[in-house]
């Protein structure tokens, strides 16, 4: 347990010092302020504007999450075997620390920007149709998706020692899945249509069965992927 917390603290420190993380965090702040300004000065529904803010964050932020997660272990393979032998670092706390730290980084960066942005938009928009419940459900969906991506990235980082190859493979897979998900839900090829049901979610009009189904589908990979990553690392000749 001590090894896990030591590794967790170390990896969180690495994340906070990363220039990619700092740059993305700065861009997210600028984007959040811009979203509030737009909602305050334009007559579009606030659910429509927040939906596009979430879509843009997912599209662009996924790149940052991919880089941070896919490189988490693959870049350390050169000295990982030596660390396991000389410092007594077991594979299990090592992988779990990576999963927790990178997921925490992803979730905190997302919520610390989008949570206040959403409520500022709700209180300052010219035409507000957001609800508190809708905002929480929408952000929960996005948090779950970003966490799944982080877990996928860590797993790929274990499976492929070549970071660039793993990044390309997972990147292509992830963006194809996002495209298929969008096509499955959109109603027409227009700025409103491609958002699908997301504005309705933010308006608090989600059905309980929909929430339960999507959360269940999201939790499943969060349970399976750590076992795949641990088994792959334990079987690898370091």
C-alpha atoms as a PDB file:
ATOM      1  CA  UNK A   1       0.000   0.000   0.000  1.00  0.00           C
ATOM      2  CA  UNK A   2       2.888   2.376   0.786  1.00  0.00           C
ATOM      3  CA  UNK A   3       4.358   1.649  -2.642  1.00  0.00           C
ATOM      4  CA  UNK A   4       1.031   2.493  -4.282  1.00  0.00           C
ATOM      5  CA  UNK A   5       0.740   5.888  -2.567  1.00  0.00           C
ATOM      6  CA  UNK A   6       4.384   6.721  -3.244  1.00  0.00           C
ATOM      7  CA  UNK A   7       3.965   5.911  -6.930  1.00  0.00           C
ATOM      8  CA  UNK A   8       0.659   7.794  -7.030  1.00  0.00           C
ATOM      9  CA  UNK A   9       2.214  10.914  -5.513  1.00  0.00           C
ATOM     10  CA  UNK A  10       5.173  10.734  -7.876  1.00  0.00           C
ATOM     11  CA  UNK A  11       3.011  10.339 -10.984  1.00  0.00           C
ATOM     12  CA  UNK A  12       0.688  13.184  -9.963  1.00  0.00           C
ATOM     13  CA  UNK A  13       3.784  15.381  -9.572  1.00  0.00           C
ATOM     14  CA  UNK A  14       4.904  14.386 -13.072  1.00  0.00           C
ATOM     15  CA  UNK A  15       1.495  15.340 -14.452  1.00  0.00           C
ATOM     16  CA  UNK A  16       1.485  18.743 -12.737  1.00  0.00           C
ATOM     17  CA  UNK A  17       4.910  19.522 -14.199  1.00  0.00           C
ATOM     18  CA  UNK A  18       3.924  18.476 -17.717  1.00  0.00           C
ATOM     19  CA  UNK A  19       3.911  21.379 -20.182  1.00  0.00           C
ATOM     20  CA  UNK A  20       1.209  19.613 -22.219  1.00  0.00           C
ATOM     21  CA  UNK A  21      -1.094  19.492 -19.193  1.00  0.00           C
ATOM     22  CA  UNK A  22      -0.398  23.129 -18.294  1.00  0.00           C
ATOM     23  CA  UNK A  23      -0.936  24.313 -21.861  1.00  0.00           C
ATOM     24  CA  UNK A  24      -4.222  22.400 -22.196  1.00  0.00           C
ATOM     25  CA  UNK A  25      -5.391  23.687 -18.822  1.00  0.00           C
ATOM     26  CA  UNK A  26      -4.724  27.264 -19.974  1.00  0.00           C
ATOM     27  CA  UNK A  27      -6.601  26.684 -23.238  1.00  0.00           C
ATOM     28  CA  UNK A  28      -9.494  25.166 -21.283  1.00  0.00           C
ATOM     29  CA  UNK A  29      -9.733  28.269 -19.097  1.00  0.00           C
ATOM     30  CA  UNK A  30      -9.793  30.492 -22.188  1.00  0.00           C
ATOM     31  CA  UNK A  31     -12.455  28.265 -23.765  1.00  0.00           C
ATOM     32  CA  UNK A  32     -14.576  28.306 -20.606  1.00  0.00           C
ATOM     33  CA  UNK A  33     -14.486  32.098 -20.386  1.00  0.00           C
ATOM     34  CA  UNK A  34     -15.311  32.337 -24.101  1.00  0.00           C
ATOM     35  CA  UNK A  35     -18.315  30.012 -23.653  1.00  0.00           C
ATOM     36  CA  UNK A  36     -19.726  32.174 -20.847  1.00  0.00           C
ATOM     37  CA  UNK A  37     -19.212  35.356 -22.879  1.00  0.00           C
ATOM     38  CA  UNK A  38     -20.947  33.840 -25.908  1.00  0.00           C
ATOM     39  CA  UNK A  39     -23.880  32.623 -23.796  1.00  0.00           C
ATOM     40  CA  UNK A  40     -24.237  36.078 -22.279  1.00  0.00           C
ATOM     41  CA  UNK A  41     -24.183  37.964 -25.579  1.00  0.00           C
ATOM     42  CA  UNK A  42     -26.006  35.661 -27.990  1.00  0.00           C
ATOM     43  CA  UNK A  43     -29.602  34.473 -28.013  1.00  0.00           C
ATOM     44  CA  UNK A  44     -28.894  30.793 -28.708  1.00  0.00           C
ATOM     45  CA  UNK A  45     -30.154  28.276 -26.147  1.00  0.00           C
ATOM     46  CA  UNK A  46     -27.596  27.728 -23.413  1.00  0.00           C
ATOM     47  CA  UNK A  47     -27.975  23.940 -23.764  1.00  0.00           C
ATOM     48  CA  UNK A  48     -26.943  24.242 -27.432  1.00  0.00           C
ATOM     49  CA  UNK A  49     -23.883  26.344 -26.551  1.00  0.00           C
ATOM     50  CA  UNK A  50     -22.811  24.116 -23.647  1.00  0.00           C
ATOM     51  CA  UNK A  51     -23.280  21.027 -25.810  1.00  0.00           C
ATOM     52  CA  UNK A  52     -20.822  22.405 -28.349  1.00  0.00           C
ATOM     53  CA  UNK A  53     -18.411  23.321 -25.545  1.00  0.00           C
ATOM     54  CA  UNK A  54     -18.523  19.722 -24.325  1.00  0.00           C
ATOM     55  CA  UNK A  55     -18.118  18.316 -27.839  1.00  0.00           C
ATOM     56  CA  UNK A  56     -15.101  20.523 -28.529  1.00  0.00           C
ATOM     57  CA  UNK A  57     -13.553  19.605 -25.187  1.00  0.00           C
ATOM     58  CA  UNK A  58     -14.017  15.909 -25.948  1.00  0.00           C
ATOM     59  CA  UNK A  59     -12.606  16.230 -29.455  1.00  0.00           C
ATOM     60  CA  UNK A  60      -9.528  18.272 -28.521  1.00  0.00           C
ATOM     61  CA  UNK A  61      -9.031  17.101 -24.946  1.00  0.00           C
ATOM     62  CA  UNK A  62      -8.957  13.480 -26.087  1.00  0.00           C
ATOM     63  CA  UNK A  63      -5.629  14.209 -27.781  1.00  0.00           C
ATOM     64  CA  UNK A  64      -4.100  15.362 -24.500  1.00  0.00           C
ATOM     65  CA  UNK A  65      -5.547  12.388 -22.620  1.00  0.00           C
ATOM     66  CA  UNK A  66      -4.264  10.004 -25.292  1.00  0.00           C
ATOM     67  CA  UNK A  67      -0.735  11.372 -25.022  1.00  0.00           C
ATOM     68  CA  UNK A  68      -0.725  11.354 -21.207  1.00  0.00           C
ATOM     69  CA  UNK A  69      -2.135   7.851 -20.859  1.00  0.00           C
ATOM     70  CA  UNK A  70      -0.484   5.999 -23.750  1.00  0.00           C
ATOM     71  CA  UNK A  71       2.946   7.306 -22.751  1.00  0.00           C
ATOM     72  CA  UNK A  72       2.447   6.608 -19.030  1.00  0.00           C
ATOM     73  CA  UNK A  73       4.074   3.173 -18.996  1.00  0.00           C
ATOM     74  CA  UNK A  74       5.558   2.637 -22.468  1.00  0.00           C
ATOM     75  CA  UNK A  75       8.083   5.466 -21.979  1.00  0.00           C
ATOM     76  CA  UNK A  76       9.282   3.848 -18.742  1.00  0.00           C
ATOM     77  CA  UNK A  77       9.853   0.335 -20.086  1.00  0.00           C
ATOM     78  CA  UNK A  78      13.588   1.020 -20.493  1.00  0.00           C
ATOM     79  CA  UNK A  79      14.166   1.143 -16.741  1.00  0.00           C
ATOM     80  CA  UNK A  80      10.978  -0.492 -15.427  1.00  0.00           C
ATOM     81  CA  UNK A  81      12.546  -3.939 -15.129  1.00  0.00           C
ATOM     82  CA  UNK A  82      15.509  -2.570 -13.191  1.00  0.00           C
ATOM     83  CA  UNK A  83      13.170  -0.648 -10.864  1.00  0.00           C
ATOM     84  CA  UNK A  84      11.120  -3.756 -10.173  1.00  0.00           C
ATOM     85  CA  UNK A  85      14.239  -5.724  -9.255  1.00  0.00           C
ATOM     86  CA  UNK A  86      16.321  -3.110  -7.401  1.00  0.00           C
ATOM     87  CA  UNK A  87      13.571  -1.106  -5.686  1.00  0.00           C
ATOM     88  CA  UNK A  88      11.064  -3.866  -5.118  1.00  0.00           C
ATOM     89  CA  UNK A  89       8.281  -2.174  -7.099  1.00  0.00           C
ATOM     90  CA  UNK A  90       5.577  -4.733  -7.794  1.00  0.00           C
ATOM     91  CA  UNK A  91       3.689  -4.509 -11.123  1.00  0.00           C
ATOM     92  CA  UNK A  92       0.249  -4.358  -9.459  1.00  0.00           C
ATOM     93  CA  UNK A  93       0.669  -1.151  -7.403  1.00  0.00           C
ATOM     94  CA  UNK A  94       2.610   0.364 -10.302  1.00  0.00           C
ATOM     95  CA  UNK A  95      -0.217  -0.132 -12.817  1.00  0.00           C
ATOM     96  CA  UNK A  96      -2.923   0.823 -10.314  1.00  0.00           C
ATOM     97  CA  UNK A  97      -1.056   4.013  -9.404  1.00  0.00           C
ATOM     98  CA  UNK A  98      -0.844   4.926 -13.082  1.00  0.00           C
ATOM     99  CA  UNK A  99      -4.552   4.264 -13.610  1.00  0.00           C
ATOM    100  CA  UNK A 100      -5.590   6.321 -10.584  1.00  0.00           C
ATOM    101  CA  UNK A 101      -3.206   9.233 -11.125  1.00  0.00           C
ATOM    102  CA  UNK A 102      -3.904   9.683 -14.839  1.00  0.00           C
ATOM    103  CA  UNK A 103      -7.657   9.317 -14.262  1.00  0.00           C
ATOM    104  CA  UNK A 104      -7.581  11.854 -11.426  1.00  0.00           C
ATOM    105  CA  UNK A 105      -5.667  14.261 -13.636  1.00  0.00           C
ATOM    106  CA  UNK A 106      -8.199  13.826 -16.436  1.00  0.00           C
ATOM    107  CA  UNK A 107     -11.245  14.231 -14.180  1.00  0.00           C
ATOM    108  CA  UNK A 108      -9.910  17.209 -12.210  1.00  0.00           C
ATOM    109  CA  UNK A 109      -8.831  19.111 -15.337  1.00  0.00           C
ATOM    110  CA  UNK A 110     -12.271  18.554 -16.850  1.00  0.00           C
ATOM    111  CA  UNK A 111     -14.471  19.337 -13.868  1.00  0.00           C
ATOM    112  CA  UNK A 112     -12.507  22.303 -12.537  1.00  0.00           C
ATOM    113  CA  UNK A 113     -13.194  24.088 -15.845  1.00  0.00           C
ATOM    114  CA  UNK A 114     -16.522  22.735 -17.113  1.00  0.00           C
ATOM    115  CA  UNK A 115     -18.348  22.676 -13.789  1.00  0.00           C
ATOM    116  CA  UNK A 116     -18.111  26.429 -13.067  1.00  0.00           C
ATOM    117  CA  UNK A 117     -18.462  27.191 -16.781  1.00  0.00           C
ATOM    118  CA  UNK A 118     -21.772  25.306 -16.922  1.00  0.00           C
ATOM    119  CA  UNK A 119     -23.276  27.082 -13.925  1.00  0.00           C
ATOM    120  CA  UNK A 120     -22.013  30.486 -15.051  1.00  0.00           C
ATOM    121  CA  UNK A 121     -23.668  29.862 -18.409  1.00  0.00           C
ATOM    122  CA  UNK A 122     -26.902  28.854 -16.684  1.00  0.00           C
ATOM    123  CA  UNK A 123     -26.991  32.046 -14.608  1.00  0.00           C
ATOM    124  CA  UNK A 124     -25.779  34.483 -17.285  1.00  0.00           C
ATOM    125  CA  UNK A 125     -27.207  33.190 -20.564  1.00  0.00           C
ATOM    126  CA  UNK A 126     -29.725  35.300 -22.465  1.00  0.00           C
ATOM    127  CA  UNK A 127     -31.830  32.229 -23.197  1.00  0.00           C
ATOM    128  CA  UNK A 128     -31.200  29.662 -20.480  1.00  0.00           C
ATOM    129  CA  UNK A 129     -32.732  26.197 -20.697  1.00  0.00           C
ATOM    130  CA  UNK A 130     -30.147  24.368 -18.587  1.00  0.00           C
ATOM    131  CA  UNK A 131     -31.128  22.660 -15.355  1.00  0.00           C
ATOM    132  CA  UNK A 132     -28.942  21.698 -12.404  1.00  0.00           C
ATOM    133  CA  UNK A 133     -29.838  18.010 -12.781  1.00  0.00           C
ATOM    134  CA  UNK A 134     -29.173  18.154 -16.529  1.00  0.00           C
ATOM    135  CA  UNK A 135     -25.741  19.701 -16.014  1.00  0.00           C
ATOM    136  CA  UNK A 136     -24.760  17.037 -13.484  1.00  0.00           C
ATOM    137  CA  UNK A 137     -25.905  14.206 -15.752  1.00  0.00           C
ATOM    138  CA  UNK A 138     -24.171  15.670 -18.809  1.00  0.00           C
ATOM    139  CA  UNK A 139     -20.889  16.220 -16.963  1.00  0.00           C
ATOM    140  CA  UNK A 140     -21.137  12.729 -15.468  1.00  0.00           C
ATOM    141  CA  UNK A 141     -21.454  11.240 -18.981  1.00  0.00           C
ATOM    142  CA  UNK A 142     -18.398  13.153 -20.154  1.00  0.00           C
ATOM    143  CA  UNK A 143     -16.390  12.308 -17.036  1.00  0.00           C
ATOM    144  CA  UNK A 144     -17.146   8.628 -17.567  1.00  0.00           C
ATOM    145  CA  UNK A 145     -16.104   8.747 -21.236  1.00  0.00           C
ATOM    146  CA  UNK A 146     -12.846  10.561 -20.484  1.00  0.00           C
ATOM    147  CA  UNK A 147     -12.049   8.094 -17.700  1.00  0.00           C
ATOM    148  CA  UNK A 148     -12.672   5.161 -20.036  1.00  0.00           C
ATOM    149  CA  UNK A 149     -10.292   6.749 -22.545  1.00  0.00           C
ATOM    150  CA  UNK A 150      -7.658   7.112 -19.821  1.00  0.00           C
ATOM    151  CA  UNK A 151      -8.005   3.443 -18.842  1.00  0.00           C
ATOM    152  CA  UNK A 152      -7.790   2.457 -22.511  1.00  0.00           C
ATOM    153  CA  UNK A 153      -4.626   4.536 -22.881  1.00  0.00           C
ATOM    154  CA  UNK A 154      -2.944   2.938 -19.866  1.00  0.00           C
ATOM    155  CA  UNK A 155      -3.859  -0.527 -21.137  1.00  0.00           C
ATOM    156  CA  UNK A 156      -2.464   0.260 -24.587  1.00  0.00           C
ATOM    157  CA  UNK A 157       0.652   1.645 -22.901  1.00  0.00           C
ATOM    158  CA  UNK A 158       1.180  -1.788 -21.348  1.00  0.00           C
ATOM    159  CA  UNK A 159       0.422  -3.706 -24.553  1.00  0.00           C
ATOM    160  CA  UNK A 160       2.691  -1.663 -26.869  1.00  0.00           C
ATOM    161  CA  UNK A 161       6.240  -0.626 -26.022  1.00  0.00           C
ATOM    162  CA  UNK A 162       6.235   1.733 -29.005  1.00  0.00           C
ATOM    163  CA  UNK A 163       4.447   4.843 -27.726  1.00  0.00           C
ATOM    164  CA  UNK A 164       3.807   6.372 -31.145  1.00  0.00           C
ATOM    165  CA  UNK A 165       2.342   3.159 -32.517  1.00  0.00           C
ATOM    166  CA  UNK A 166       0.064   2.764 -29.497  1.00  0.00           C
ATOM    167  CA  UNK A 167      -1.000   6.407 -29.789  1.00  0.00           C
ATOM    168  CA  UNK A 168      -1.928   6.001 -33.453  1.00  0.00           C
ATOM    169  CA  UNK A 169      -3.801   2.731 -32.909  1.00  0.00           C
ATOM    170  CA  UNK A 170      -5.853   3.994 -29.971  1.00  0.00           C
ATOM    171  CA  UNK A 171      -6.347   7.432 -31.528  1.00  0.00           C
ATOM    172  CA  UNK A 172      -7.808   5.982 -34.716  1.00  0.00           C
ATOM    173  CA  UNK A 173     -10.004   3.582 -32.732  1.00  0.00           C
ATOM    174  CA  UNK A 174     -11.243   6.292 -30.335  1.00  0.00           C
ATOM    175  CA  UNK A 175     -12.132   8.894 -32.958  1.00  0.00           C
ATOM    176  CA  UNK A 176     -13.854   6.301 -35.146  1.00  0.00           C
ATOM    177  CA  UNK A 177     -15.948   5.296 -32.114  1.00  0.00           C
ATOM    178  CA  UNK A 178     -16.801   8.947 -31.423  1.00  0.00           C
ATOM    179  CA  UNK A 179     -17.800   9.424 -35.066  1.00  0.00           C
ATOM    180  CA  UNK A 180     -20.017   6.339 -35.029  1.00  0.00           C
ATOM    181  CA  UNK A 181     -21.595   7.447 -31.747  1.00  0.00           C
ATOM    182  CA  UNK A 182     -22.368  10.846 -33.224  1.00  0.00           C
ATOM    183  CA  UNK A 183     -23.862   9.343 -36.383  1.00  0.00           C
ATOM    184  CA  UNK A 184     -26.010   7.021 -34.267  1.00  0.00           C
ATOM    185  CA  UNK A 185     -27.577   9.920 -32.379  1.00  0.00           C
ATOM    186  CA  UNK A 186     -27.657  12.838 -34.781  1.00  0.00           C
ATOM    187  CA  UNK A 187     -30.957  13.898 -36.281  1.00  0.00           C
ATOM    188  CA  UNK A 188     -29.722  15.931 -39.250  1.00  0.00           C
ATOM    189  CA  UNK A 189     -26.517  17.377 -40.662  1.00  0.00           C
ATOM    190  CA  UNK A 190     -26.696  20.800 -39.003  1.00  0.00           C
ATOM    191  CA  UNK A 191     -25.109  22.528 -35.984  1.00  0.00           C
ATOM    192  CA  UNK A 192     -28.091  21.430 -33.910  1.00  0.00           C
ATOM    193  CA  UNK A 193     -28.614  18.002 -35.461  1.00  0.00           C
ATOM    194  CA  UNK A 194     -25.086  16.652 -34.947  1.00  0.00           C
ATOM    195  CA  UNK A 195     -25.413  17.208 -31.192  1.00  0.00           C
ATOM    196  CA  UNK A 196     -28.057  14.495 -31.007  1.00  0.00           C
ATOM    197  CA  UNK A 197     -29.765  14.262 -27.615  1.00  0.00           C
ATOM    198  CA  UNK A 198     -27.060  16.085 -25.682  1.00  0.00           C
ATOM    199  CA  UNK A 199     -29.007  19.379 -25.396  1.00  0.00           C
ATOM    200  CA  UNK A 200     -31.996  17.407 -24.039  1.00  0.00           C
ATOM    201  CA  UNK A 201     -29.726  15.770 -21.468  1.00  0.00           C
ATOM    202  CA  UNK A 202     -28.518  19.187 -20.306  1.00  0.00           C
ATOM    203  CA  UNK A 203     -32.123  20.330 -20.088  1.00  0.00           C
ATOM    204  CA  UNK A 204     -32.781  17.539 -17.582  1.00  0.00           C
ATOM    205  CA  UNK A 205     -34.901  15.449 -19.932  1.00  0.00           C
ATOM    206  CA  UNK A 206     -32.946  12.190 -19.709  1.00  0.00           C
ATOM    207  CA  UNK A 207     -34.827   9.000 -18.976  1.00  0.00           C
ATOM    208  CA  UNK A 208     -33.713   6.898 -16.014  1.00  0.00           C
ATOM    209  CA  UNK A 209     -33.316   3.835 -18.246  1.00  0.00           C
ATOM    210  CA  UNK A 210     -31.009   5.794 -20.569  1.00  0.00           C
ATOM    211  CA  UNK A 211     -28.833   6.973 -17.684  1.00  0.00           C
ATOM    212  CA  UNK A 212     -28.639   3.475 -16.207  1.00  0.00           C
ATOM    213  CA  UNK A 213     -27.753   1.882 -19.553  1.00  0.00           C
ATOM    214  CA  UNK A 214     -25.009   4.372 -20.447  1.00  0.00           C
ATOM    215  CA  UNK A 215     -23.461   4.271 -16.974  1.00  0.00           C
ATOM    216  CA  UNK A 216     -23.450   0.471 -17.038  1.00  0.00           C
ATOM    217  CA  UNK A 217     -21.774   0.434 -20.460  1.00  0.00           C
ATOM    218  CA  UNK A 218     -19.156   2.883 -19.181  1.00  0.00           C
ATOM    219  CA  UNK A 219     -18.410   1.071 -15.928  1.00  0.00           C
ATOM    220  CA  UNK A 220     -17.854  -2.284 -17.662  1.00  0.00           C
ATOM    221  CA  UNK A 221     -14.528  -1.317 -19.328  1.00  0.00           C
ATOM    222  CA  UNK A 222     -13.391   0.386 -16.106  1.00  0.00           C
ATOM    223  CA  UNK A 223     -13.645  -3.010 -14.416  1.00  0.00           C
ATOM    224  CA  UNK A 224     -12.166  -5.137 -17.228  1.00  0.00           C
ATOM    225  CA  UNK A 225      -9.276  -2.959 -18.455  1.00  0.00           C
ATOM    226  CA  UNK A 226      -7.221  -2.952 -15.203  1.00  0.00           C
ATOM    227  CA  UNK A 227      -7.199  -6.775 -15.219  1.00  0.00           C
ATOM    228  CA  UNK A 228      -6.033  -6.795 -18.854  1.00  0.00           C
ATOM    229  CA  UNK A 229      -3.281  -4.280 -18.101  1.00  0.00           C
ATOM    230  CA  UNK A 230      -2.098  -6.147 -14.990  1.00  0.00           C
ATOM    231  CA  UNK A 231      -2.085  -9.535 -16.714  1.00  0.00           C
ATOM    232  CA  UNK A 232      -0.194  -8.155 -19.708  1.00  0.00           C
ATOM    233  CA  UNK A 233       2.466  -6.490 -17.544  1.00  0.00           C
ATOM    234  CA  UNK A 234       2.907  -9.555 -15.352  1.00  0.00           C
ATOM    235  CA  UNK A 235       3.377 -11.730 -18.433  1.00  0.00           C
ATOM    236  CA  UNK A 236       5.825  -9.346 -20.088  1.00  0.00           C
ATOM    237  CA  UNK A 237       9.556 -10.048 -19.877  1.00  0.00           C
ATOM    238  CA  UNK A 238      10.950  -6.848 -18.386  1.00  0.00           C
END
